[in-house]
Amino acid sequence: GGSLRLSCAASGSRFSAYYMAWYRQAPGKQRD
């Protein structure tokens, strides 16, 4: 029921052009 905020800091001067995504992988499962 709680909340968290994840952050991902990227290097590079063209960040605004990057496609960005989040994936997750639970134990014993594929990355989704």
PDB file of all heavy atoms in Angstrom:
ATOM      1  N   GLY A   1       0.793  -1.221   0.000  1.00  0.00           N
ATOM      2  CA  GLY A   1       0.000   0.000   0.000  1.00  0.00           C
ATOM      3  C   GLY A   1       0.823   1.268   0.000  1.00  0.00           C
ATOM      4  O   GLY A   1       0.288   2.356  -0.221  1.00  0.00           O
ATOM      5  N   GLY A   2       2.118   1.116   0.226  1.00  0.00           N
ATOM      6  CA  GLY A   2       3.006   2.274   0.287  1.00  0.00           C
ATOM      7  C   GLY A   2       3.491   2.713  -1.077  1.00  0.00           C
ATOM      8  O   GLY A   2       3.068   2.187  -2.114  1.00  0.00           O
ATOM      9  N   SER A   3       4.406   3.693  -1.036  1.00  0.00           N
ATOM     10  CA  SER A   3       4.936   4.292  -2.260  1.00  0.00           C
ATOM     11  C   SER A   3       6.451   4.381  -2.217  1.00  0.00           C
ATOM     12  O   SER A   3       7.053   4.461  -1.139  1.00  0.00           O
ATOM     13  CB  SER A   3       4.368   5.707  -2.447  1.00  0.00           C
ATOM     14  OG  SER A   3       2.964   5.690  -2.574  1.00  0.00           O
ATOM     15  N   LEU A   4       7.045   4.372  -3.390  1.00  0.00           N
ATOM     16  CA  LEU A   4       8.477   4.623  -3.557  1.00  0.00           C
ATOM     17  C   LEU A   4       8.657   5.381  -4.860  1.00  0.00           C
ATOM     18  O   LEU A   4       7.854   5.238  -5.789  1.00  0.00           O
ATOM     19  CB  LEU A   4       9.273   3.316  -3.631  1.00  0.00           C
ATOM     20  CG  LEU A   4       9.602   2.563  -2.352  1.00  0.00           C
ATOM     21  CD1 LEU A   4      10.295   1.243  -2.705  1.00  0.00           C
ATOM     22  CD2 LEU A   4      10.481   3.385  -1.432  1.00  0.00           C
ATOM     23  N   ARG A   5       9.742   6.141  -4.921  1.00  0.00           N
ATOM     24  CA  ARG A   5      10.109   6.781  -6.175  1.00  0.00           C
ATOM     25  C   ARG A   5      11.520   6.369  -6.543  1.00  0.00           C
ATOM     26  O   ARG A   5      12.464   6.623  -5.786  1.00  0.00           O
ATOM     27  CB  ARG A   5      10.025   8.301  -6.101  1.00  0.00           C
ATOM     28  CG  ARG A   5      10.201   8.949  -7.480  1.00  0.00           C
ATOM     29  CD  ARG A   5      10.056  10.454  -7.475  1.00  0.00           C
ATOM     30  NE  ARG A   5      11.249  11.135  -7.010  1.00  0.00           N
ATOM     31  CZ  ARG A   5      11.571  12.386  -7.308  1.00  0.00           C
ATOM     32  NH1 ARG A   5      10.760  13.094  -8.088  1.00  0.00           N
ATOM     33  NH2 ARG A   5      12.659  12.950  -6.827  1.00  0.00           N
ATOM     34  N   LEU A   6      11.648   5.744  -7.687  1.00  0.00           N
ATOM     35  CA  LEU A   6      12.957   5.364  -8.206  1.00  0.00           C
ATOM     36  C   LEU A   6      13.490   6.465  -9.113  1.00  0.00           C
ATOM     37  O   LEU A   6      12.722   7.126  -9.811  1.00  0.00           O
ATOM     38  CB  LEU A   6      12.870   4.057  -8.995  1.00  0.00           C
ATOM     39  CG  LEU A   6      12.255   2.857  -8.286  1.00  0.00           C
ATOM     40  CD1 LEU A   6      12.331   1.630  -9.197  1.00  0.00           C
ATOM     41  CD2 LEU A   6      12.936   2.590  -6.966  1.00  0.00           C
ATOM     42  N   SER A   7      14.798   6.617  -9.084  1.00  0.00           N
ATOM     43  CA  SER A   7      15.474   7.576  -9.962  1.00  0.00           C
ATOM     44  C   SER A   7      16.535   6.859 -10.770  1.00  0.00           C
ATOM     45  O   SER A   7      17.137   5.894 -10.299  1.00  0.00           O
ATOM     46  CB  SER A   7      16.130   8.695  -9.145  1.00  0.00           C
ATOM     47  OG  SER A   7      15.194   9.406  -8.377  1.00  0.00           O
ATOM     48  N   CYS A   8      16.768   7.359 -11.947  1.00  0.00           N
ATOM     49  CA  CYS A   8      17.832   6.817 -12.808  1.00  0.00           C
ATOM     50  C   CYS A   8      18.549   8.009 -13.435  1.00  0.00           C
ATOM     51  O   CYS A   8      17.966   8.730 -14.250  1.00  0.00           O
ATOM     52  CB  CYS A   8      17.252   5.915 -13.876  1.00  0.00           C
ATOM     53  SG  CYS A   8      18.444   5.381 -15.122  1.00  0.00           S
ATOM     54  N   ALA A   9      19.785   8.198 -13.023  1.00  0.00           N
ATOM     55  CA  ALA A   9      20.595   9.285 -13.549  1.00  0.00           C
ATOM     56  C   ALA A   9      21.441   8.775 -14.706  1.00  0.00           C
ATOM     57  O   ALA A   9      22.112   7.740 -14.581  1.00  0.00           O
ATOM     58  CB  ALA A   9      21.491   9.848 -12.454  1.00  0.00           C
ATOM     59  N   ALA A  10      21.407   9.489 -15.805  1.00  0.00           N
ATOM     60  CA  ALA A  10      22.119   9.075 -17.010  1.00  0.00           C
ATOM     61  C   ALA A  10      23.232  10.047 -17.337  1.00  0.00           C
ATOM     62  O   ALA A  10      23.105  11.256 -17.116  1.00  0.00           O
ATOM     63  CB  ALA A  10      21.146   8.992 -18.180  1.00  0.00           C
ATOM     64  N   SER A  11      24.308   9.505 -17.868  1.00  0.00           N
ATOM     65  CA  SER A  11      25.392  10.352 -18.369  1.00  0.00           C
ATOM     66  C   SER A  11      25.097  10.696 -19.823  1.00  0.00           C
ATOM     67  O   SER A  11      24.205  10.129 -20.444  1.00  0.00           O
ATOM     68  CB  SER A  11      26.728   9.628 -18.243  1.00  0.00           C
ATOM     69  OG  SER A  11      26.733   8.469 -19.074  1.00  0.00           O
ATOM     70  N   GLY A  12      25.881  11.642 -20.363  1.00  0.00           N
ATOM     71  CA  GLY A  12      25.727  11.979 -21.767  1.00  0.00           C
ATOM     72  C   GLY A  12      25.053  13.313 -21.978  1.00  0.00           C
ATOM     73  O   GLY A  12      24.289  13.785 -21.132  1.00  0.00           O
ATOM     74  N   SER A  13      25.380  13.904 -23.110  1.00  0.00           N
ATOM     75  CA  SER A  13      24.884  15.249 -23.403  1.00  0.00           C
ATOM     76  C   SER A  13      23.611  15.245 -24.241  1.00  0.00           C
ATOM     77  O   SER A  13      23.051  16.318 -24.500  1.00  0.00           O
ATOM     78  CB  SER A  13      25.970  16.042 -24.135  1.00  0.00           C
ATOM     79  OG  SER A  13      26.308  15.389 -25.351  1.00  0.00           O
ATOM     80  N   ARG A  14      23.155  14.061 -24.645  1.00  0.00           N
ATOM     81  CA  ARG A  14      21.976  13.986 -25.503  1.00  0.00           C
ATOM     82  C   ARG A  14      20.798  13.315 -24.807  1.00  0.00           C
ATOM     83  O   ARG A  14      19.943  12.714 -25.444  1.00  0.00           O
ATOM     84  CB  ARG A  14      22.316  13.216 -26.777  1.00  0.00           C
ATOM     85  CG  ARG A  14      23.396  13.846 -27.633  1.00  0.00           C
ATOM     86  CD  ARG A  14      22.911  15.123 -28.304  1.00  0.00           C
ATOM     87  NE  ARG A  14      21.676  14.957 -29.018  1.00  0.00           N
ATOM     88  CZ  ARG A  14      21.558  14.480 -30.260  1.00  0.00           C
ATOM     89  NH1 ARG A  14      22.629  14.095 -30.925  1.00  0.00           N
ATOM     90  NH2 ARG A  14      20.372  14.385 -30.836  1.00  0.00           N
ATOM     91  N   PHE A  15      20.759  13.436 -23.463  1.00  0.00           N
ATOM     92  CA  PHE A  15      19.739  12.723 -22.688  1.00  0.00           C
ATOM     93  C   PHE A  15      18.335  12.989 -23.197  1.00  0.00           C
ATOM     94  O   PHE A  15      17.499  12.099 -23.213  1.00  0.00           O
ATOM     95  CB  PHE A  15      19.834  13.106 -21.203  1.00  0.00           C
ATOM     96  CG  PHE A  15      18.758  12.470 -20.361  1.00  0.00           C
ATOM     97  CD1 PHE A  15      18.866  11.140 -19.969  1.00  0.00           C
ATOM     98  CD2 PHE A  15      17.653  13.188 -19.949  1.00  0.00           C
ATOM     99  CE1 PHE A  15      17.889  10.530 -19.198  1.00  0.00           C
ATOM    100  CE2 PHE A  15      16.660  12.602 -19.181  1.00  0.00           C
ATOM    101  CZ  PHE A  15      16.782  11.266 -18.796  1.00  0.00           C
ATOM    102  N   SER A  16      18.058  14.200 -23.597  1.00  0.00           N
ATOM    103  CA  SER A  16      16.691  14.538 -24.013  1.00  0.00           C
ATOM    104  C   SER A  16      16.242  13.698 -25.212  1.00  0.00           C
ATOM    105  O   SER A  16      15.046  13.565 -25.467  1.00  0.00           O
ATOM    106  CB  SER A  16      16.581  16.024 -24.333  1.00  0.00           C
ATOM    107  OG  SER A  16      17.437  16.366 -25.407  1.00  0.00           O
ATOM    108  N   ALA A  17      17.182  13.136 -25.923  1.00  0.00           N
ATOM    109  CA  ALA A  17      16.854  12.311 -27.090  1.00  0.00           C
ATOM    110  C   ALA A  17      16.755  10.826 -26.768  1.00  0.00           C
ATOM    111  O   ALA A  17      16.382  10.032 -27.634  1.00  0.00           O
ATOM    112  CB  ALA A  17      17.895  12.529 -28.183  1.00  0.00           C
ATOM    113  N   TYR A  18      17.102  10.457 -25.539  1.00  0.00           N
ATOM    114  CA  TYR A  18      17.113   9.042 -25.187  1.00  0.00           C
ATOM    115  C   TYR A  18      15.703   8.505 -24.992  1.00  0.00           C
ATOM    116  O   TYR A  18      14.855   9.161 -24.363  1.00  0.00           O
ATOM    117  CB  TYR A  18      17.866   8.798 -23.874  1.00  0.00           C
ATOM    118  CG  TYR A  18      19.315   9.166 -23.832  1.00  0.00           C
ATOM    119  CD1 TYR A  18      20.015   9.096 -22.622  1.00  0.00           C
ATOM    120  CD2 TYR A  18      20.012   9.601 -24.949  1.00  0.00           C
ATOM    121  CE1 TYR A  18      21.350   9.438 -22.530  1.00  0.00           C
ATOM    122  CE2 TYR A  18      21.351   9.954 -24.868  1.00  0.00           C
ATOM    123  CZ  TYR A  18      22.019   9.867 -23.660  1.00  0.00           C
ATOM    124  OH  TYR A  18      23.333  10.212 -23.570  1.00  0.00           O
ATOM    125  N   TYR A  19      15.478   7.318 -25.464  1.00  0.00           N
ATOM    126  CA  TYR A  19      14.336   6.518 -25.042  1.00  0.00           C
ATOM    127  C   TYR A  19      14.711   5.909 -23.704  1.00  0.00           C
ATOM    128  O   TYR A  19      15.778   5.314 -23.581  1.00  0.00           O
ATOM    129  CB  TYR A  19      14.051   5.432 -26.071  1.00  0.00           C
ATOM    130  CG  TYR A  19      13.116   4.345 -25.608  1.00  0.00           C
ATOM    131  CD1 TYR A  19      11.745   4.465 -25.805  1.00  0.00           C
ATOM    132  CD2 TYR A  19      13.600   3.195 -25.006  1.00  0.00           C
ATOM    133  CE1 TYR A  19      10.876   3.446 -25.404  1.00  0.00           C
ATOM    134  CE2 TYR A  19      12.754   2.182 -24.606  1.00  0.00           C
ATOM    135  CZ  TYR A  19      11.397   2.307 -24.804  1.00  0.00           C
ATOM    136  OH  TYR A  19      10.542   1.307 -24.407  1.00  0.00           O
ATOM    137  N   MET A  20      13.852   6.039 -22.694  1.00  0.00           N
ATOM    138  CA  MET A  20      14.144   5.534 -21.362  1.00  0.00           C
ATOM    139  C   MET A  20      13.027   4.601 -20.900  1.00  0.00           C
ATOM    140  O   MET A  20      11.851   4.810 -21.216  1.00  0.00           O
ATOM    141  CB  MET A  20      14.265   6.696 -20.361  1.00  0.00           C
ATOM    142  CG  MET A  20      15.352   7.712 -20.680  1.00  0.00           C
ATOM    143  SD  MET A  20      17.016   7.028 -20.628  1.00  0.00           S
ATOM    144  CE  MET A  20      17.145   6.528 -18.910  1.00  0.00           C
ATOM    145  N   ALA A  21      13.406   3.599 -20.138  1.00  0.00           N
ATOM    146  CA  ALA A  21      12.412   2.639 -19.675  1.00  0.00           C
ATOM    147  C   ALA A  21      12.846   2.037 -18.345  1.00  0.00           C
ATOM    148  O   ALA A  21      14.012   2.116 -17.950  1.00  0.00           O
ATOM    149  CB  ALA A  21      12.209   1.538 -20.707  1.00  0.00           C
ATOM    150  N   TRP A  22      11.875   1.442 -17.677  1.00  0.00           N
ATOM    151  CA  TRP A  22      12.108   0.658 -16.470  1.00  0.00           C
ATOM    152  C   TRP A  22      11.644  -0.772 -16.739  1.00  0.00           C
ATOM    153  O   TRP A  22      10.572  -0.986 -17.338  1.00  0.00           O
ATOM    154  CB  TRP A  22      11.346   1.218 -15.282  1.00  0.00           C
ATOM    155  CG  TRP A  22      11.874   2.506 -14.761  1.00  0.00           C
ATOM    156  CD1 TRP A  22      11.454   3.758 -15.087  1.00  0.00           C
ATOM    157  CD2 TRP A  22      12.936   2.676 -13.811  1.00  0.00           C
ATOM    158  NE1 TRP A  22      12.190   4.704 -14.410  1.00  0.00           N
ATOM    159  CE2 TRP A  22      13.106   4.056 -13.603  1.00  0.00           C
ATOM    160  CE3 TRP A  22      13.757   1.792 -13.101  1.00  0.00           C
ATOM    161  CZ2 TRP A  22      14.057   4.582 -12.723  1.00  0.00           C
ATOM    162  CZ3 TRP A  22      14.702   2.315 -12.226  1.00  0.00           C
ATOM    163  CH2 TRP A  22      14.849   3.690 -12.046  1.00  0.00           C
ATOM    164  N   TYR A  23      12.454  -1.716 -16.265  1.00  0.00           N
ATOM    165  CA  TYR A  23      12.122  -3.129 -16.297  1.00  0.00           C
ATOM    166  C   TYR A  23      12.274  -3.655 -14.879  1.00  0.00           C
ATOM    167  O   TYR A  23      12.898  -3.020 -14.031  1.00  0.00           O
ATOM    168  CB  TYR A  23      13.061  -3.891 -17.232  1.00  0.00           C
ATOM    169  CG  TYR A  23      12.781  -3.709 -18.697  1.00  0.00           C
ATOM    170  CD1 TYR A  23      13.111  -2.521 -19.338  1.00  0.00           C
ATOM    171  CD2 TYR A  23      12.210  -4.729 -19.452  1.00  0.00           C
ATOM    172  CE1 TYR A  23      12.854  -2.348 -20.693  1.00  0.00           C
ATOM    173  CE2 TYR A  23      11.959  -4.569 -20.804  1.00  0.00           C
ATOM    174  CZ  TYR A  23      12.283  -3.388 -21.418  1.00  0.00           C
ATOM    175  OH  TYR A  23      12.028  -3.226 -22.758  1.00  0.00           O
ATOM    176  N   ARG A  24      11.730  -4.837 -14.635  1.00  0.00           N
ATOM    177  CA  ARG A  24      11.922  -5.454 -13.330  1.00  0.00           C
ATOM    178  C   ARG A  24      12.054  -6.965 -13.474  1.00  0.00           C
ATOM    179  O   ARG A  24      11.526  -7.555 -14.417  1.00  0.00           O
ATOM    180  CB  ARG A  24      10.779  -5.102 -12.381  1.00  0.00           C
ATOM    181  CG  ARG A  24       9.415  -5.676 -12.768  1.00  0.00           C
ATOM    182  CD  ARG A  24       8.349  -5.125 -11.830  1.00  0.00           C
ATOM    183  NE  ARG A  24       7.034  -5.690 -12.129  1.00  0.00           N
ATOM    184  CZ  ARG A  24       5.913  -5.307 -11.522  1.00  0.00           C
ATOM    185  NH1 ARG A  24       5.960  -4.354 -10.572  1.00  0.00           N
ATOM    186  NH2 ARG A  24       4.759  -5.860 -11.829  1.00  0.00           N
ATOM    187  N   GLN A  25      12.754  -7.530 -12.506  1.00  0.00           N
ATOM    188  CA  GLN A  25      12.974  -8.977 -12.511  1.00  0.00           C
ATOM    189  C   GLN A  25      12.808  -9.502 -11.105  1.00  0.00           C
ATOM    190  O   GLN A  25      13.585  -9.157 -10.204  1.00  0.00           O
ATOM    191  CB  GLN A  25      14.362  -9.313 -13.060  1.00  0.00           C
ATOM    192  CG  GLN A  25      14.586 -10.790 -13.267  1.00  0.00           C
ATOM    193  CD  GLN A  25      15.831 -11.072 -14.083  1.00  0.00           C
ATOM    194  OE1 GLN A  25      16.712 -10.217 -14.236  1.00  0.00           O
ATOM    195  NE2 GLN A  25      15.915 -12.261 -14.635  1.00  0.00           N
ATOM    196  N   ALA A  26      11.804 -10.335 -10.924  1.00  0.00           N
ATOM    197  CA  ALA A  26      11.586 -10.994  -9.639  1.00  0.00           C
ATOM    198  C   ALA A  26      12.427 -12.270  -9.604  1.00  0.00           C
ATOM    199  O   ALA A  26      12.781 -12.816 -10.657  1.00  0.00           O
ATOM    200  CB  ALA A  26      10.109 -11.313  -9.469  1.00  0.00           C
ATOM    201  N   PRO A  27      12.739 -12.774  -8.411  1.00  0.00           N
ATOM    202  CA  PRO A  27      13.552 -13.990  -8.302  1.00  0.00           C
ATOM    203  C   PRO A  27      12.951 -15.151  -9.075  1.00  0.00           C
ATOM    204  O   PRO A  27      11.754 -15.435  -8.940  1.00  0.00           O
ATOM    205  CB  PRO A  27      13.557 -14.260  -6.799  1.00  0.00           C
ATOM    206  CG  PRO A  27      13.334 -12.927  -6.177  1.00  0.00           C
ATOM    207  CD  PRO A  27      12.416 -12.199  -7.098  1.00  0.00           C
ATOM    208  N   GLY A  28      13.761 -15.789  -9.904  1.00  0.00           N
ATOM    209  CA  GLY A  28      13.313 -16.942 -10.656  1.00  0.00           C
ATOM    210  C   GLY A  28      12.438 -16.633 -11.851  1.00  0.00           C
ATOM    211  O   GLY A  28      11.901 -17.543 -12.488  1.00  0.00           O
ATOM    212  N   LYS A  29      12.289 -15.349 -12.176  1.00  0.00           N
ATOM    213  CA  LYS A  29      11.431 -14.960 -13.286  1.00  0.00           C
ATOM    214  C   LYS A  29      12.227 -14.163 -14.316  1.00  0.00           C
ATOM    215  O   LYS A  29      13.328 -13.707 -14.065  1.00  0.00           O
ATOM    216  CB  LYS A  29      10.245 -14.140 -12.786  1.00  0.00           C
ATOM    217  CG  LYS A  29       9.317 -14.937 -11.871  1.00  0.00           C
ATOM    218  CD  LYS A  29       8.043 -14.166 -11.585  1.00  0.00           C
ATOM    219  CE  LYS A  29       7.083 -15.004 -10.756  1.00  0.00           C
ATOM    220  NZ  LYS A  29       5.810 -14.267 -10.483  1.00  0.00           N
ATOM    221  N   GLN A  30      11.637 -13.995 -15.484  1.00  0.00           N
ATOM    222  CA  GLN A  30      12.294 -13.232 -16.529  1.00  0.00           C
ATOM    223  C   GLN A  30      12.180 -11.736 -16.239  1.00  0.00           C
ATOM    224  O   GLN A  30      11.366 -11.311 -15.433  1.00  0.00           O
ATOM    225  CB  GLN A  30      11.658 -13.543 -17.882  1.00  0.00           C
ATOM    226  CG  GLN A  30      10.205 -13.071 -18.013  1.00  0.00           C
ATOM    227  CD  GLN A  30       9.602 -13.443 -19.355  1.00  0.00           C
ATOM    228  OE1 GLN A  30      10.082 -14.334 -20.056  1.00  0.00           O
ATOM    229  NE2 GLN A  30       8.556 -12.745 -19.737  1.00  0.00           N
ATOM    230  N   ARG A  31      12.997 -10.976 -16.932  1.00  0.00           N
ATOM    231  CA  ARG A  31      12.942  -9.526 -16.803  1.00  0.00           C
ATOM    232  C   ARG A  31      11.755  -9.004 -17.624  1.00  0.00           C
ATOM    233  O   ARG A  31      11.627  -9.302 -18.807  1.00  0.00           O
ATOM    234  CB  ARG A  31      14.249  -8.908 -17.307  1.00  0.00           C
ATOM    235  CG  ARG A  31      14.398  -7.439 -16.982  1.00  0.00           C
ATOM    236  CD  ARG A  31      15.769  -6.920 -17.371  1.00  0.00           C
ATOM    237  NE  ARG A  31      16.835  -7.584 -16.631  1.00  0.00           N
ATOM    238  CZ  ARG A  31      18.109  -7.200 -16.673  1.00  0.00           C
ATOM    239  NH1 ARG A  31      18.467  -6.158 -17.424  1.00  0.00           N
ATOM    240  NH2 ARG A  31      19.029  -7.842 -15.981  1.00  0.00           N
ATOM    241  N   ASP A  32      10.905  -8.223 -16.974  1.00  0.00           N
ATOM    242  CA  ASP A  32       9.676  -7.751 -17.612  1.00  0.00           C
ATOM    243  C   ASP A  32       9.678  -6.232 -17.769  1.00  0.00           C
ATOM    244  O   ASP A  32      10.168  -5.500 -16.903  1.00  0.00           O
ATOM    245  CB  ASP A  32       8.447  -8.147 -16.781  1.00  0.00           C
ATOM    246  CG  ASP A  32       8.168  -9.632 -16.819  1.00  0.00           C
ATOM    247  OD1 ASP A  32       8.489 -10.267 -17.836  1.00  0.00           O
ATOM    248  OD2 ASP A  32       7.625 -10.138 -15.815  1.00  0.00           O
TER     249      ASP A  32
END
